[in-house]
Amino acid sequence: MVTSGTHFRSTAVLDWATLHPVERLELLTTHDLARQEKQKLELLRNLLTYYHYAACESREEVLRAEIDRVRAAADDLRDATAPSTTRP
């Protein structure tokens, strides 16, 4: 059983000097946390690209519609990921 504050020690040693650069990259980028971070960066890149093109819009009603659409999408995501607060 693992308790908070328990430290783990592994006898396996990963020697970066013996790995080829391609193997190093594979280890770094195929890890689950690395994959999540890549997805977050992809999301941010796409949001910034979207913002760039939306900010070029000069018509107020189109801009307002885009703002409302993004706000609604954020609200939907927040509602979908929020823990259920209903009690039995």
PDB file of N, CA and C in Angstrom:
ATOM      1  N   MET A   1       0.844  -1.179   0.000  1.00  0.00           N
ATOM      2  CA  MET A   1       0.000   0.000   0.000  1.00  0.00           C
ATOM      3  C   MET A   1       0.883   1.233   0.000  1.00  0.00           C
ATOM      4  N   VAL A   2       0.521   2.209  -0.798  1.00  0.00           N
ATOM      5  CA  VAL A   2       1.301   3.420  -0.933  1.00  0.00           C
ATOM      6  C   VAL A   2       0.627   4.528  -0.153  1.00  0.00           C
ATOM      7  N   THR A   3       1.392   5.209   0.649  1.00  0.00           N
ATOM      8  CA  THR A   3       0.853   6.333   1.400  1.00  0.00           C
ATOM      9  C   THR A   3       1.504   7.609   0.918  1.00  0.00           C
ATOM     10  N   SER A   4       0.887   8.711   1.263  1.00  0.00           N
ATOM     11  CA  SER A   4       1.422  10.000   0.863  1.00  0.00           C
ATOM     12  C   SER A   4       2.793  10.200   1.490  1.00  0.00           C
ATOM     13  N   GLY A   5       3.730  10.705   0.704  1.00  0.00           N
ATOM     14  CA  GLY A   5       5.063  10.946   1.213  1.00  0.00           C
ATOM     15  C   GLY A   5       6.012   9.773   1.024  1.00  0.00           C
ATOM     16  N   THR A   6       5.535   8.638   0.517  1.00  0.00           N
ATOM     17  CA  THR A   6       6.380   7.487   0.282  1.00  0.00           C
ATOM     18  C   THR A   6       7.241   7.750  -0.949  1.00  0.00           C
ATOM     19  N   HIS A   7       8.520   7.464  -0.839  1.00  0.00           N
ATOM     20  CA  HIS A   7       9.430   7.646  -1.952  1.00  0.00           C
ATOM     21  C   HIS A   7       9.735   6.293  -2.567  1.00  0.00           C
ATOM     22  N   PHE A   8       9.831   6.253  -3.873  1.00  0.00           N
ATOM     23  CA  PHE A   8      10.144   5.025  -4.573  1.00  0.00           C
ATOM     24  C   PHE A   8      11.548   5.127  -5.154  1.00  0.00           C
ATOM     25  N   ARG A   9      12.211   4.016  -5.165  1.00  0.00           N
ATOM     26  CA  ARG A   9      13.540   3.981  -5.754  1.00  0.00           C
ATOM     27  C   ARG A   9      13.575   2.823  -6.736  1.00  0.00           C
ATOM     28  N   SER A  10      14.077   3.105  -7.911  1.00  0.00           N
ATOM     29  CA  SER A  10      14.178   2.081  -8.937  1.00  0.00           C
ATOM     30  C   SER A  10      15.643   1.761  -9.174  1.00  0.00           C
ATOM     31  N   THR A  11      15.925   0.503  -9.409  1.00  0.00           N
ATOM     32  CA  THR A  11      17.304   0.106  -9.684  1.00  0.00           C
ATOM     33  C   THR A  11      17.642   0.261 -11.161  1.00  0.00           C
ATOM     34  N   ALA A  12      16.642   0.525 -11.987  1.00  0.00           N
ATOM     35  CA  ALA A  12      16.884   0.724 -13.414  1.00  0.00           C
ATOM     36  C   ALA A  12      17.559   2.069 -13.624  1.00  0.00           C
ATOM     37  N   VAL A  13      18.546   2.075 -14.479  1.00  0.00           N
ATOM     38  CA  VAL A  13      19.273   3.303 -14.763  1.00  0.00           C
ATOM     39  C   VAL A  13      19.140   3.607 -16.241  1.00  0.00           C
ATOM     40  N   LEU A  14      18.728   4.829 -16.537  1.00  0.00           N
ATOM     41  CA  LEU A  14      18.605   5.262 -17.918  1.00  0.00           C
ATOM     42  C   LEU A  14      19.791   6.165 -18.210  1.00  0.00           C
ATOM     43  N   ASP A  15      20.674   5.705 -19.034  1.00  0.00           N
ATOM     44  CA  ASP A  15      21.873   6.468 -19.358  1.00  0.00           C
ATOM     45  C   ASP A  15      21.652   7.179 -20.681  1.00  0.00           C
ATOM     46  N   TRP A  16      21.412   8.470 -20.590  1.00  0.00           N
ATOM     47  CA  TRP A  16      21.139   9.259 -21.796  1.00  0.00           C
ATOM     48  C   TRP A  16      22.321   9.228 -22.761  1.00  0.00           C
ATOM     49  N   ALA A  17      23.521   9.090 -22.234  1.00  0.00           N
ATOM     50  CA  ALA A  17      24.705   9.107 -23.088  1.00  0.00           C
ATOM     51  C   ALA A  17      24.740   7.913 -24.030  1.00  0.00           C
ATOM     52  N   THR A  18      24.111   6.815 -23.646  1.00  0.00           N
ATOM     53  CA  THR A  18      24.145   5.622 -24.494  1.00  0.00           C
ATOM     54  C   THR A  18      23.006   5.599 -25.510  1.00  0.00           C
ATOM     55  N   LEU A  19      22.057   6.518 -25.376  1.00  0.00           N
ATOM     56  CA  LEU A  19      20.924   6.538 -26.306  1.00  0.00           C
ATOM     57  C   LEU A  19      21.214   7.458 -27.489  1.00  0.00           C
ATOM     58  N   HIS A  20      20.771   7.039 -28.648  1.00  0.00           N
ATOM     59  CA  HIS A  20      20.867   7.881 -29.831  1.00  0.00           C
ATOM     60  C   HIS A  20      19.842   8.998 -29.709  1.00  0.00           C
ATOM     61  N   PRO A  21      20.060  10.129 -30.362  1.00  0.00           N
ATOM     62  CA  PRO A  21      19.122  11.255 -30.273  1.00  0.00           C
ATOM     63  C   PRO A  21      17.676  10.878 -30.622  1.00  0.00           C
ATOM     64  N   VAL A  22      17.504  10.022 -31.608  1.00  0.00           N
ATOM     65  CA  VAL A  22      16.147   9.611 -31.982  1.00  0.00           C
ATOM     66  C   VAL A  22      15.490   8.847 -30.837  1.00  0.00           C
ATOM     67  N   GLU A  23      16.234   7.969 -30.202  1.00  0.00           N
ATOM     68  CA  GLU A  23      15.690   7.216 -29.063  1.00  0.00           C
ATOM     69  C   GLU A  23      15.358   8.149 -27.904  1.00  0.00           C
ATOM     70  N   ARG A  24      16.177   9.160 -27.685  1.00  0.00           N
ATOM     71  CA  ARG A  24      15.897  10.129 -26.631  1.00  0.00           C
ATOM     72  C   ARG A  24      14.587  10.854 -26.897  1.00  0.00           C
ATOM     73  N   LEU A  25      14.428  11.307 -28.128  1.00  0.00           N
ATOM     74  CA  LEU A  25      13.198  12.006 -28.487  1.00  0.00           C
ATOM     75  C   LEU A  25      11.982  11.108 -28.338  1.00  0.00           C
ATOM     76  N   GLU A  26      12.125   9.853 -28.753  1.00  0.00           N
ATOM     77  CA  GLU A  26      11.003   8.920 -28.616  1.00  0.00           C
ATOM     78  C   GLU A  26      10.621   8.731 -27.160  1.00  0.00           C
ATOM     79  N   LEU A  27      11.604   8.597 -26.296  1.00  0.00           N
ATOM     80  CA  LEU A  27      11.313   8.441 -24.872  1.00  0.00           C
ATOM     81  C   LEU A  27      10.624   9.675 -24.306  1.00  0.00           C
ATOM     82  N   LEU A  28      11.081  10.844 -24.720  1.00  0.00           N
ATOM     83  CA  LEU A  28      10.504  12.081 -24.203  1.00  0.00           C
ATOM     84  C   LEU A  28       9.112  12.350 -24.750  1.00  0.00           C
ATOM     85  N   THR A  29       8.893  12.023 -26.013  1.00  0.00           N
ATOM     86  CA  THR A  29       7.623  12.408 -26.647  1.00  0.00           C
ATOM     87  C   THR A  29       6.551  11.329 -26.610  1.00  0.00           C
ATOM     88  N   THR A  30       6.905  10.097 -26.293  1.00  0.00           N
ATOM     89  CA  THR A  30       5.882   9.054 -26.250  1.00  0.00           C
ATOM     90  C   THR A  30       5.356   8.827 -24.847  1.00  0.00           C
ATOM     91  N   HIS A  31       5.928   9.475 -23.885  1.00  0.00           N
ATOM     92  CA  HIS A  31       5.462   9.366 -22.511  1.00  0.00           C
ATOM     93  C   HIS A  31       4.070   9.990 -22.408  1.00  0.00           C
ATOM     94  N   ASP A  32       3.195   9.446 -21.563  1.00  0.00           N
ATOM     95  CA  ASP A  32       1.822   9.942 -21.445  1.00  0.00           C
ATOM     96  C   ASP A  32       1.758  11.425 -21.101  1.00  0.00           C
ATOM     97  N   LEU A  33       2.582  11.857 -20.154  1.00  0.00           N
ATOM     98  CA  LEU A  33       2.564  13.274 -19.780  1.00  0.00           C
ATOM     99  C   LEU A  33       3.062  14.147 -20.919  1.00  0.00           C
ATOM    100  N   ALA A  34       4.046  13.672 -21.651  1.00  0.00           N
ATOM    101  CA  ALA A  34       4.543  14.428 -22.796  1.00  0.00           C
ATOM    102  C   ALA A  34       3.458  14.545 -23.858  1.00  0.00           C
ATOM    103  N   ARG A  35       2.713  13.463 -24.058  1.00  0.00           N
ATOM    104  CA  ARG A  35       1.619  13.485 -25.031  1.00  0.00           C
ATOM    105  C   ARG A  35       0.546  14.484 -24.617  1.00  0.00           C
ATOM    106  N   GLN A  36       0.228  14.525 -23.332  1.00  0.00           N
ATOM    107  CA  GLN A  36      -0.764  15.488 -22.833  1.00  0.00           C
ATOM    108  C   GLN A  36      -0.271  16.912 -23.034  1.00  0.00           C
ATOM    109  N   GLU A  37       0.992  17.152 -22.748  1.00  0.00           N
ATOM    110  CA  GLU A  37       1.538  18.502 -22.915  1.00  0.00           C
ATOM    111  C   GLU A  37       1.543  18.912 -24.388  1.00  0.00           C
ATOM    112  N   LYS A  38       1.839  17.956 -25.276  1.00  0.00           N
ATOM    113  CA  LYS A  38       1.788  18.255 -26.706  1.00  0.00           C
ATOM    114  C   LYS A  38       0.367  18.613 -27.130  1.00  0.00           C
ATOM    115  N   GLN A  39      -0.627  17.915 -26.586  1.00  0.00           N
ATOM    116  CA  GLN A  39      -2.014  18.226 -26.910  1.00  0.00           C
ATOM    117  C   GLN A  39      -2.402  19.604 -26.395  1.00  0.00           C
ATOM    118  N   LYS A  40      -1.934  19.952 -25.202  1.00  0.00           N
ATOM    119  CA  LYS A  40      -2.219  21.279 -24.656  1.00  0.00           C
ATOM    120  C   LYS A  40      -1.601  22.367 -25.527  1.00  0.00           C
ATOM    121  N   LEU A  41      -0.366  22.130 -25.969  1.00  0.00           N
ATOM    122  CA  LEU A  41       0.289  23.102 -26.838  1.00  0.00           C
ATOM    123  C   LEU A  41      -0.427  23.223 -28.183  1.00  0.00           C
ATOM    124  N   GLU A  42      -0.900  22.100 -28.695  1.00  0.00           N
ATOM    125  CA  GLU A  42      -1.654  22.124 -29.944  1.00  0.00           C
ATOM    126  C   GLU A  42      -2.942  22.917 -29.776  1.00  0.00           C
ATOM    127  N   LEU A  43      -3.625  22.716 -28.657  1.00  0.00           N
ATOM    128  CA  LEU A  43      -4.839  23.471 -28.366  1.00  0.00           C
ATOM    129  C   LEU A  43      -4.542  24.963 -28.286  1.00  0.00           C
ATOM    130  N   LEU A  44      -3.491  25.323 -27.570  1.00  0.00           N
ATOM    131  CA  LEU A  44      -3.126  26.733 -27.433  1.00  0.00           C
ATOM    132  C   LEU A  44      -2.765  27.338 -28.788  1.00  0.00           C
ATOM    133  N   ARG A  45      -2.000  26.611 -29.588  1.00  0.00           N
ATOM    134  CA  ARG A  45      -1.621  27.104 -30.915  1.00  0.00           C
ATOM    135  C   ARG A  45      -2.856  27.365 -31.773  1.00  0.00           C
ATOM    136  N   ASN A  46      -3.807  26.442 -31.727  1.00  0.00           N
ATOM    137  CA  ASN A  46      -5.019  26.622 -32.525  1.00  0.00           C
ATOM    138  C   ASN A  46      -5.898  27.746 -31.992  1.00  0.00           C
ATOM    139  N   LEU A  47      -5.951  27.895 -30.666  1.00  0.00           N
ATOM    140  CA  LEU A  47      -6.704  29.010 -30.096  1.00  0.00           C
ATOM    141  C   LEU A  47      -6.094  30.354 -30.485  1.00  0.00           C
ATOM    142  N   LEU A  48      -4.781  30.433 -30.461  1.00  0.00           N
ATOM    143  CA  LEU A  48      -4.118  31.675 -30.848  1.00  0.00           C
ATOM    144  C   LEU A  48      -4.305  31.979 -32.330  1.00  0.00           C
ATOM    145  N   THR A  49      -4.272  30.955 -33.158  1.00  0.00           N
ATOM    146  CA  THR A  49      -4.533  31.146 -34.583  1.00  0.00           C
ATOM    147  C   THR A  49      -5.961  31.628 -34.798  1.00  0.00           C
ATOM    148  N   TYR A  50      -6.900  30.994 -34.097  1.00  0.00           N
ATOM    149  CA  TYR A  50      -8.301  31.407 -34.173  1.00  0.00           C
ATOM    150  C   TYR A  50      -8.447  32.859 -33.737  1.00  0.00           C
ATOM    151  N   TYR A  51      -7.808  33.214 -32.621  1.00  0.00           N
ATOM    152  CA  TYR A  51      -7.881  34.585 -32.118  1.00  0.00           C
ATOM    153  C   TYR A  51      -7.318  35.572 -33.141  1.00  0.00           C
ATOM    154  N   HIS A  52      -6.214  35.222 -33.760  1.00  0.00           N
ATOM    155  CA  HIS A  52      -5.593  36.095 -34.752  1.00  0.00           C
ATOM    156  C   HIS A  52      -6.567  36.426 -35.882  1.00  0.00           C
ATOM    157  N   TYR A  53      -7.230  35.404 -36.401  1.00  0.00           N
ATOM    158  CA  TYR A  53      -8.157  35.641 -37.509  1.00  0.00           C
ATOM    159  C   TYR A  53      -9.445  36.317 -37.037  1.00  0.00           C
ATOM    160  N   ALA A  54      -9.929  35.954 -35.855  1.00  0.00           N
ATOM    161  CA  ALA A  54     -11.152  36.581 -35.339  1.00  0.00           C
ATOM    162  C   ALA A  54     -10.910  38.052 -35.006  1.00  0.00           C
ATOM    163  N   ALA A  55      -9.723  38.385 -34.510  1.00  0.00           N
ATOM    164  CA  ALA A  55      -9.419  39.768 -34.147  1.00  0.00           C
ATOM    165  C   ALA A  55      -9.296  40.669 -35.369  1.00  0.00           C
ATOM    166  N   CYS A  56      -9.073  40.085 -36.517  1.00  0.00           N
ATOM    167  CA  CYS A  56      -8.998  40.876 -37.755  1.00  0.00           C
ATOM    168  C   CYS A  56     -10.377  41.315 -38.229  1.00  0.00           C
ATOM    169  N   GLU A  57     -11.414  40.725 -37.684  1.00  0.00           N
ATOM    170  CA  GLU A  57     -12.792  41.059 -38.072  1.00  0.00           C
ATOM    171  C   GLU A  57     -13.152  42.446 -37.551  1.00  0.00           C
ATOM    172  N   SER A  58     -13.706  43.278 -38.419  1.00  0.00           N
ATOM    173  CA  SER A  58     -14.036  44.649 -38.019  1.00  0.00           C
ATOM    174  C   SER A  58     -15.524  44.849 -37.745  1.00  0.00           C
ATOM    175  N   ARG A  59     -16.345  43.890 -38.138  1.00  0.00           N
ATOM    176  CA  ARG A  59     -17.792  44.044 -37.908  1.00  0.00           C
ATOM    177  C   ARG A  59     -18.125  43.626 -36.480  1.00  0.00           C
ATOM    178  N   GLU A  60     -18.729  44.552 -35.746  1.00  0.00           N
ATOM    179  CA  GLU A  60     -19.020  44.326 -34.330  1.00  0.00           C
ATOM    180  C   GLU A  60     -19.931  43.127 -34.099  1.00  0.00           C
ATOM    181  N   GLU A  61     -20.941  42.967 -34.930  1.00  0.00           N
ATOM    182  CA  GLU A  61     -21.883  41.862 -34.723  1.00  0.00           C
ATOM    183  C   GLU A  61     -21.231  40.502 -34.953  1.00  0.00           C
ATOM    184  N   VAL A  62     -20.296  40.427 -35.890  1.00  0.00           N
ATOM    185  CA  VAL A  62     -19.589  39.172 -36.142  1.00  0.00           C
ATOM    186  C   VAL A  62     -18.656  38.865 -34.969  1.00  0.00           C
ATOM    187  N   LEU A  63     -17.967  39.889 -34.495  1.00  0.00           N
ATOM    188  CA  LEU A  63     -17.088  39.710 -33.342  1.00  0.00           C
ATOM    189  C   LEU A  63     -17.880  39.278 -32.113  1.00  0.00           C
ATOM    190  N   ARG A  64     -19.007  39.916 -31.866  1.00  0.00           N
ATOM    191  CA  ARG A  64     -19.848  39.566 -30.712  1.00  0.00           C
ATOM    192  C   ARG A  64     -20.323  38.124 -30.830  1.00  0.00           C
ATOM    193  N   ALA A  65     -20.709  37.705 -32.031  1.00  0.00           N
ATOM    194  CA  ALA A  65     -21.167  36.325 -32.245  1.00  0.00           C
ATOM    195  C   ALA A  65     -20.042  35.337 -31.950  1.00  0.00           C
ATOM    196  N   GLU A  66     -18.811  35.654 -32.363  1.00  0.00           N
ATOM    197  CA  GLU A  66     -17.672  34.777 -32.096  1.00  0.00           C
ATOM    198  C   GLU A  66     -17.361  34.721 -30.601  1.00  0.00           C
ATOM    199  N   ILE A  67     -17.424  35.867 -29.933  1.00  0.00           N
ATOM    200  CA  ILE A  67     -17.197  35.897 -28.486  1.00  0.00           C
ATOM    201  C   ILE A  67     -18.218  35.031 -27.773  1.00  0.00           C
ATOM    202  N   ASP A  68     -19.480  35.165 -28.155  1.00  0.00           N
ATOM    203  CA  ASP A  68     -20.540  34.368 -27.531  1.00  0.00           C
ATOM    204  C   ASP A  68     -20.349  32.877 -27.801  1.00  0.00           C
ATOM    205  N   ARG A  69     -19.907  32.552 -29.018  1.00  0.00           N
ATOM    206  CA  ARG A  69     -19.704  31.155 -29.384  1.00  0.00           C
ATOM    207  C   ARG A  69     -18.562  30.540 -28.567  1.00  0.00           C
ATOM    208  N   VAL A  70     -17.467  31.283 -28.408  1.00  0.00           N
ATOM    209  CA  VAL A  70     -16.331  30.781 -27.627  1.00  0.00           C
ATOM    210  C   VAL A  70     -16.719  30.669 -26.156  1.00  0.00           C
ATOM    211  N   ARG A  71     -17.438  31.644 -25.642  1.00  0.00           N
ATOM    212  CA  ARG A  71     -17.876  31.594 -24.239  1.00  0.00           C
ATOM    213  C   ARG A  71     -18.782  30.384 -24.007  1.00  0.00           C
ATOM    214  N   ALA A  72     -19.693  30.122 -24.937  1.00  0.00           N
ATOM    215  CA  ALA A  72     -20.593  28.974 -24.804  1.00  0.00           C
ATOM    216  C   ALA A  72     -19.809  27.662 -24.846  1.00  0.00           C
ATOM    217  N   ALA A  73     -18.815  27.586 -25.711  1.00  0.00           N
ATOM    218  CA  ALA A  73     -17.989  26.373 -25.790  1.00  0.00           C
ATOM    219  C   ALA A  73     -17.221  26.164 -24.492  1.00  0.00           C
ATOM    220  N   ALA A  74     -16.692  27.251 -23.919  1.00  0.00           N
ATOM    221  CA  ALA A  74     -15.973  27.149 -22.642  1.00  0.00           C
ATOM    222  C   ALA A  74     -16.917  26.718 -21.528  1.00  0.00           C
ATOM    223  N   ASP A  75     -18.131  27.272 -21.518  1.00  0.00           N
ATOM    224  CA  ASP A  75     -19.117  26.883 -20.505  1.00  0.00           C
ATOM    225  C   ASP A  75     -19.498  25.414 -20.639  1.00  0.00           C
ATOM    226  N   ASP A  76     -19.686  24.956 -21.878  1.00  0.00           N
ATOM    227  CA  ASP A  76     -20.020  23.546 -22.111  1.00  0.00           C
ATOM    228  C   ASP A  76     -18.901  22.636 -21.615  1.00  0.00           C
ATOM    229  N   LEU A  77     -17.664  23.000 -21.897  1.00  0.00           N
ATOM    230  CA  LEU A  77     -16.526  22.198 -21.460  1.00  0.00           C
ATOM    231  C   LEU A  77     -16.419  22.190 -19.947  1.00  0.00           C
ATOM    232  N   ARG A  78     -16.607  23.343 -19.328  1.00  0.00           N
ATOM    233  CA  ARG A  78     -16.545  23.431 -17.867  1.00  0.00           C
ATOM    234  C   ARG A  78     -17.649  22.579 -17.244  1.00  0.00           C
ATOM    235  N   ASP A  79     -18.848  22.637 -17.799  1.00  0.00           N
ATOM    236  CA  ASP A  79     -19.959  21.835 -17.274  1.00  0.00           C
ATOM    237  C   ASP A  79     -19.704  20.337 -17.462  1.00  0.00           C
ATOM    238  N   ALA A  80     -19.100  19.988 -18.581  1.00  0.00           N
ATOM    239  CA  ALA A  80     -18.854  18.570 -18.866  1.00  0.00           C
ATOM    240  C   ALA A  80     -17.772  17.987 -17.969  1.00  0.00           C
ATOM    241  N   THR A  81     -16.807  18.812 -17.557  1.00  0.00           N
ATOM    242  CA  THR A  81     -15.705  18.304 -16.745  1.00  0.00           C
ATOM    243  C   THR A  81     -15.881  18.571 -15.266  1.00  0.00           C
ATOM    244  N   ALA A  82     -16.905  19.332 -14.896  1.00  0.00           N
ATOM    245  CA  ALA A  82     -17.132  19.634 -13.474  1.00  0.00           C
ATOM    246  C   ALA A  82     -17.652  18.389 -12.775  1.00  0.00           C
ATOM    247  N   PRO A  83     -17.199  18.156 -11.557  1.00  0.00           N
ATOM    248  CA  PRO A  83     -17.730  17.005 -10.820  1.00  0.00           C
ATOM    249  C   PRO A  83     -19.215  17.219 -10.507  1.00  0.00           C
ATOM    250  N   SER A  84     -19.942  16.134 -10.530  1.00  0.00           N
ATOM    251  CA  SER A  84     -21.379  16.203 -10.265  1.00  0.00           C
ATOM    252  C   SER A  84     -21.613  16.607  -8.818  1.00  0.00           C
ATOM    253  N   THR A  85     -22.500  17.579  -8.630  1.00  0.00           N
ATOM    254  CA  THR A  85     -22.770  18.046  -7.276  1.00  0.00           C
ATOM    255  C   THR A  85     -24.149  17.591  -6.781  1.00  0.00           C
ATOM    256  N   THR A  86     -24.806  16.746  -7.560  1.00  0.00           N
ATOM    257  CA  THR A  86     -26.112  16.241  -7.140  1.00  0.00           C
ATOM    258  C   THR A  86     -25.931  15.194  -6.073  1.00  0.00           C
ATOM    259  N   ARG A  87     -26.780  15.245  -5.101  1.00  0.00           N
ATOM    260  CA  ARG A  87     -26.722  14.277  -3.998  1.00  0.00           C
ATOM    261  C   ARG A  87     -27.843  13.256  -4.140  1.00  0.00           C
ATOM    262  N   PRO A  88     -27.560  12.000  -3.772  1.00  0.00           N
ATOM    263  CA  PRO A  88     -28.597  10.958  -3.893  1.00  0.00           C
ATOM    264  C   PRO A  88     -29.711  11.140  -2.888  1.00  0.00           C
TER     265      PRO A  88
END
